[in-house]
């Protein structure tokens, strides 16, 4: 496969967004479907400001999408690819752990 260098650079940048435990935990929660910022913060036992900061980063990377309902913001995964990437990565980690 001959992939242009600029595309490989974009792929490298894309995977950087998966390099933070808080963002990974948020993505795991969003696998279950749309959820509010307050509920994410509650599930993670983190301040809403911390969660909002990470959501902003994930949004900028087009990994998640927002929906406003009145004063509340809800988030979900941007598309099925994000969930697939998460699940494949997790499967790889679990497979390696089983082999130990």
N, C-alpha and C. Protein backbone atom coordinates (compact mmCIF):
# COMPACT_ATOMS: atom_id res chain seq x y z
N UNK A 1 0.86 -1.17 0.00
CA UNK A 1 0.00 0.00 0.00
C UNK A 1 0.91 1.23 0.00
N UNK A 2 0.68 2.10 -0.93
CA UNK A 2 1.48 3.33 -1.05
C UNK A 2 0.61 4.52 -0.62
N UNK A 3 0.79 4.91 0.63
CA UNK A 3 0.00 6.00 1.20
C UNK A 3 0.85 7.27 1.20
N UNK A 4 0.30 8.37 0.71
CA UNK A 4 1.07 9.62 0.70
C UNK A 4 1.50 10.03 2.11
N UNK A 5 2.66 10.65 2.19
CA UNK A 5 3.24 11.06 3.46
C UNK A 5 2.31 11.99 4.25
N UNK A 6 1.64 12.91 3.57
CA UNK A 6 0.75 13.83 4.29
C UNK A 6 -0.43 13.09 4.92
N UNK A 7 -0.89 12.03 4.28
CA UNK A 7 -1.97 11.22 4.84
C UNK A 7 -1.48 10.44 6.05
N UNK A 8 -0.26 9.93 5.98
CA UNK A 8 0.31 9.23 7.14
C UNK A 8 0.51 10.19 8.30
N UNK A 9 0.87 11.43 8.01
CA UNK A 9 0.99 12.45 9.05
C UNK A 9 -0.37 12.67 9.72
N UNK A 10 -1.43 12.78 8.92
CA UNK A 10 -2.78 12.96 9.47
C UNK A 10 -3.17 11.78 10.35
N UNK A 11 -2.81 10.58 9.93
CA UNK A 11 -3.11 9.38 10.72
C UNK A 11 -2.37 9.42 12.06
N UNK A 12 -1.13 9.83 12.02
CA UNK A 12 -0.34 9.96 13.24
C UNK A 12 -0.98 10.96 14.20
N UNK A 13 -1.40 12.10 13.67
CA UNK A 13 -2.06 13.12 14.48
C UNK A 13 -3.38 12.58 15.06
N UNK A 14 -4.13 11.82 14.26
CA UNK A 14 -5.39 11.24 14.69
C UNK A 14 -5.19 10.33 15.90
N UNK A 15 -4.17 9.48 15.85
CA UNK A 15 -3.94 8.54 16.95
C UNK A 15 -3.46 9.23 18.22
N UNK A 16 -2.91 10.40 18.12
CA UNK A 16 -2.48 11.13 19.31
C UNK A 16 -3.65 11.43 20.24
N UNK A 17 -4.84 11.58 19.67
CA UNK A 17 -6.00 11.91 20.49
C UNK A 17 -6.43 10.73 21.37
N UNK A 18 -5.96 9.54 21.05
CA UNK A 18 -6.25 8.36 21.85
C UNK A 18 -5.21 8.17 22.96
N UNK A 19 -4.24 9.08 23.05
CA UNK A 19 -3.12 8.94 23.96
C UNK A 19 -3.32 9.52 25.35
N UNK A 20 -4.55 9.71 25.77
CA UNK A 20 -4.82 10.28 27.09
C UNK A 20 -5.87 9.41 27.78
N UNK A 21 -5.58 8.99 29.00
CA UNK A 21 -6.48 8.07 29.71
C UNK A 21 -7.87 8.67 29.93
N UNK A 22 -7.94 9.95 30.25
CA UNK A 22 -9.26 10.57 30.47
C UNK A 22 -10.06 10.56 29.17
N UNK A 23 -9.43 10.87 28.05
CA UNK A 23 -10.15 10.84 26.77
C UNK A 23 -10.59 9.43 26.43
N UNK A 24 -9.76 8.44 26.71
CA UNK A 24 -10.14 7.04 26.46
C UNK A 24 -11.33 6.66 27.33
N UNK A 25 -11.32 7.08 28.58
CA UNK A 25 -12.44 6.78 29.47
C UNK A 25 -13.73 7.43 28.97
N UNK A 26 -13.61 8.65 28.45
CA UNK A 26 -14.79 9.33 27.89
C UNK A 26 -15.30 8.57 26.67
N UNK A 27 -14.40 8.16 25.80
CA UNK A 27 -14.82 7.41 24.61
C UNK A 27 -15.50 6.11 25.01
N UNK A 28 -14.98 5.45 26.04
CA UNK A 28 -15.60 4.21 26.52
C UNK A 28 -17.05 4.47 26.97
N UNK A 29 -17.27 5.55 27.68
CA UNK A 29 -18.62 5.90 28.12
C UNK A 29 -19.51 6.17 26.91
N UNK A 30 -18.98 6.88 25.92
CA UNK A 30 -19.77 7.24 24.74
C UNK A 30 -20.09 6.04 23.85
N UNK A 31 -19.39 4.93 24.05
CA UNK A 31 -19.75 3.71 23.32
C UNK A 31 -21.18 3.29 23.66
N UNK A 32 -21.63 3.66 24.86
CA UNK A 32 -22.99 3.33 25.30
C UNK A 32 -24.06 4.24 24.73
N UNK A 33 -23.66 5.29 24.02
CA UNK A 33 -24.63 6.20 23.43
C UNK A 33 -24.47 7.62 23.95
N UNK A 34 -25.36 8.48 23.51
CA UNK A 34 -25.32 9.90 23.85
C UNK A 34 -25.48 10.09 25.36
N UNK A 35 -24.73 11.06 25.88
CA UNK A 35 -24.77 11.33 27.32
C UNK A 35 -24.39 12.79 27.58
N UNK A 36 -24.90 13.34 28.66
CA UNK A 36 -24.63 14.74 28.98
C UNK A 36 -23.25 14.90 29.62
N UNK A 37 -22.74 16.11 29.56
CA UNK A 37 -21.45 16.43 30.17
C UNK A 37 -21.49 16.13 31.66
N UNK A 38 -22.57 16.53 32.33
CA UNK A 38 -22.69 16.29 33.78
C UNK A 38 -22.65 14.80 34.10
N UNK A 39 -23.31 14.01 33.30
CA UNK A 39 -23.33 12.57 33.55
C UNK A 39 -21.96 11.94 33.30
N UNK A 40 -21.25 12.42 32.28
CA UNK A 40 -19.88 11.94 32.04
C UNK A 40 -19.01 12.26 33.24
N UNK A 41 -19.08 13.51 33.71
CA UNK A 41 -18.28 13.93 34.87
C UNK A 41 -18.61 13.07 36.08
N UNK A 42 -19.89 12.78 36.28
CA UNK A 42 -20.29 11.95 37.41
C UNK A 42 -19.75 10.53 37.31
N UNK A 43 -19.83 9.95 36.14
CA UNK A 43 -19.33 8.58 35.94
C UNK A 43 -17.82 8.50 36.14
N UNK A 44 -17.11 9.56 35.77
CA UNK A 44 -15.65 9.56 35.89
C UNK A 44 -15.17 10.11 37.22
N UNK A 45 -16.11 10.65 38.01
CA UNK A 45 -15.77 11.29 39.28
C UNK A 45 -14.74 12.41 39.07
N UNK A 46 -15.01 13.24 38.06
CA UNK A 46 -14.15 14.37 37.73
C UNK A 46 -14.98 15.65 37.70
N UNK A 47 -14.29 16.77 37.86
CA UNK A 47 -14.96 18.06 37.74
C UNK A 47 -15.44 18.26 36.30
N UNK A 48 -16.57 18.94 36.17
CA UNK A 48 -17.13 19.19 34.85
C UNK A 48 -16.15 19.96 33.97
N UNK A 49 -15.38 20.87 34.54
CA UNK A 49 -14.43 21.66 33.75
C UNK A 49 -13.35 20.77 33.13
N UNK A 50 -12.90 19.75 33.86
CA UNK A 50 -11.89 18.81 33.34
C UNK A 50 -12.48 18.03 32.17
N UNK A 51 -13.70 17.55 32.36
CA UNK A 51 -14.37 16.78 31.31
C UNK A 51 -14.63 17.67 30.10
N UNK A 52 -15.09 18.88 30.32
CA UNK A 52 -15.36 19.80 29.21
C UNK A 52 -14.11 20.08 28.39
N UNK A 53 -12.99 20.23 29.06
CA UNK A 53 -11.72 20.46 28.35
C UNK A 53 -11.39 19.27 27.44
N UNK A 54 -11.52 18.06 27.97
CA UNK A 54 -11.22 16.87 27.16
C UNK A 54 -12.24 16.69 26.03
N UNK A 55 -13.48 17.02 26.30
CA UNK A 55 -14.51 16.94 25.25
C UNK A 55 -14.20 17.92 24.12
N UNK A 56 -13.71 19.08 24.47
CA UNK A 56 -13.33 20.08 23.47
C UNK A 56 -12.23 19.53 22.55
N UNK A 57 -11.26 18.85 23.15
CA UNK A 57 -10.17 18.25 22.37
C UNK A 57 -10.71 17.16 21.45
N UNK A 58 -11.56 16.30 21.99
CA UNK A 58 -12.15 15.23 21.18
C UNK A 58 -13.03 15.78 20.06
N UNK A 59 -13.70 16.87 20.35
CA UNK A 59 -14.56 17.51 19.34
C UNK A 59 -13.73 18.10 18.22
N UNK A 60 -12.64 18.77 18.58
CA UNK A 60 -11.74 19.36 17.60
C UNK A 60 -11.18 18.28 16.66
N UNK A 61 -10.96 17.09 17.20
CA UNK A 61 -10.43 15.97 16.41
C UNK A 61 -11.51 15.24 15.63
N UNK A 62 -12.75 15.69 15.74
CA UNK A 62 -13.89 15.05 15.07
C UNK A 62 -14.10 13.60 15.52
N UNK A 63 -13.80 13.33 16.79
CA UNK A 63 -14.05 12.00 17.34
C UNK A 63 -15.43 11.92 17.98
N UNK A 64 -15.95 13.07 18.40
CA UNK A 64 -17.27 13.12 19.02
C UNK A 64 -18.06 14.28 18.41
N UNK A 65 -19.36 14.25 18.64
CA UNK A 65 -20.21 15.35 18.16
C UNK A 65 -21.14 15.78 19.28
N UNK A 66 -21.42 17.08 19.33
CA UNK A 66 -22.29 17.63 20.38
C UNK A 66 -23.73 17.77 19.90
N UNK A 67 -24.62 17.85 20.88
CA UNK A 67 -26.01 18.19 20.62
C UNK A 67 -26.50 18.98 21.82
N UNK A 68 -27.06 20.14 21.55
CA UNK A 68 -27.57 20.99 22.63
C UNK A 68 -29.07 20.75 22.80
N UNK A 69 -29.48 20.64 24.06
CA UNK A 69 -30.90 20.55 24.39
C UNK A 69 -31.13 21.56 25.51
N UNK A 70 -31.59 22.75 25.14
CA UNK A 70 -31.73 23.82 26.11
C UNK A 70 -30.36 24.26 26.59
N UNK A 71 -30.14 24.15 27.89
CA UNK A 71 -28.84 24.54 28.46
C UNK A 71 -27.88 23.37 28.56
N UNK A 72 -28.37 22.16 28.30
CA UNK A 72 -27.53 20.97 28.45
C UNK A 72 -26.88 20.58 27.14
N UNK A 73 -25.62 20.13 27.24
CA UNK A 73 -24.90 19.61 26.09
C UNK A 73 -24.80 18.10 26.22
N UNK A 74 -25.06 17.43 25.13
CA UNK A 74 -24.95 15.98 25.06
C UNK A 74 -23.91 15.63 24.00
N UNK A 75 -23.19 14.55 24.25
CA UNK A 75 -22.16 14.13 23.31
C UNK A 75 -22.35 12.68 22.92
N UNK A 76 -21.91 12.37 21.70
CA UNK A 76 -21.90 10.99 21.21
C UNK A 76 -20.69 10.83 20.32
N UNK A 77 -20.36 9.58 20.00
CA UNK A 77 -19.26 9.34 19.07
C UNK A 77 -19.63 9.92 17.72
N UNK A 78 -18.64 10.41 17.00
CA UNK A 78 -18.90 11.04 15.70
C UNK A 78 -19.47 10.04 14.70
N UNK A 79 -18.94 8.84 14.66
CA UNK A 79 -19.47 7.79 13.79
C UNK A 79 -19.00 6.42 14.27
N UNK A 80 -19.42 5.39 13.58
CA UNK A 80 -19.11 4.02 14.01
C UNK A 80 -17.63 3.69 13.94
N UNK A 81 -16.87 4.42 13.13
CA UNK A 81 -15.44 4.14 13.02
C UNK A 81 -14.72 4.36 14.35
N UNK A 82 -15.12 5.36 15.09
CA UNK A 82 -14.46 5.68 16.36
C UNK A 82 -14.66 4.53 17.34
N UNK A 83 -15.87 4.01 17.42
CA UNK A 83 -16.14 2.86 18.29
C UNK A 83 -15.36 1.64 17.84
N UNK A 84 -15.25 1.43 16.54
CA UNK A 84 -14.51 0.29 16.02
C UNK A 84 -13.03 0.39 16.37
N UNK A 85 -12.45 1.57 16.22
CA UNK A 85 -11.04 1.77 16.55
C UNK A 85 -10.81 1.49 18.03
N UNK A 86 -11.69 2.00 18.87
CA UNK A 86 -11.57 1.77 20.31
C UNK A 86 -11.64 0.27 20.61
N UNK A 87 -12.63 -0.40 20.06
CA UNK A 87 -12.84 -1.82 20.34
C UNK A 87 -11.69 -2.69 19.82
N UNK A 88 -11.17 -2.37 18.65
CA UNK A 88 -10.04 -3.13 18.10
C UNK A 88 -8.80 -2.93 18.96
N UNK A 89 -8.53 -1.70 19.37
CA UNK A 89 -7.39 -1.43 20.25
C UNK A 89 -7.52 -2.17 21.57
N UNK A 90 -8.70 -2.14 22.16
CA UNK A 90 -8.93 -2.84 23.43
C UNK A 90 -8.77 -4.34 23.25
N UNK A 91 -9.30 -4.87 22.17
CA UNK A 91 -9.18 -6.29 21.88
C UNK A 91 -7.71 -6.70 21.77
N UNK A 92 -6.92 -5.88 21.13
CA UNK A 92 -5.48 -6.15 20.99
C UNK A 92 -4.81 -6.20 22.36
N UNK A 93 -5.12 -5.21 23.22
CA UNK A 93 -4.54 -5.17 24.56
C UNK A 93 -4.94 -6.39 25.37
N UNK A 94 -6.22 -6.74 25.34
CA UNK A 94 -6.71 -7.90 26.11
C UNK A 94 -6.10 -9.19 25.59
N UNK A 95 -5.95 -9.31 24.28
CA UNK A 95 -5.34 -10.50 23.67
C UNK A 95 -3.90 -10.66 24.16
N UNK A 96 -3.17 -9.56 24.19
CA UNK A 96 -1.78 -9.61 24.65
C UNK A 96 -1.71 -9.97 26.13
N UNK A 97 -2.66 -9.49 26.93
CA UNK A 97 -2.67 -9.80 28.36
C UNK A 97 -2.96 -11.28 28.60
N UNK A 98 -3.84 -11.85 27.78
CA UNK A 98 -4.20 -13.27 27.91
C UNK A 98 -3.01 -14.17 27.57
N UNK A 99 -2.15 -13.69 26.70
CA UNK A 99 -1.00 -14.48 26.26
C UNK A 99 0.15 -14.50 27.25
N UNK A 100 0.06 -13.72 28.29
CA UNK A 100 1.16 -13.66 29.28
C UNK A 100 1.18 -14.86 30.16
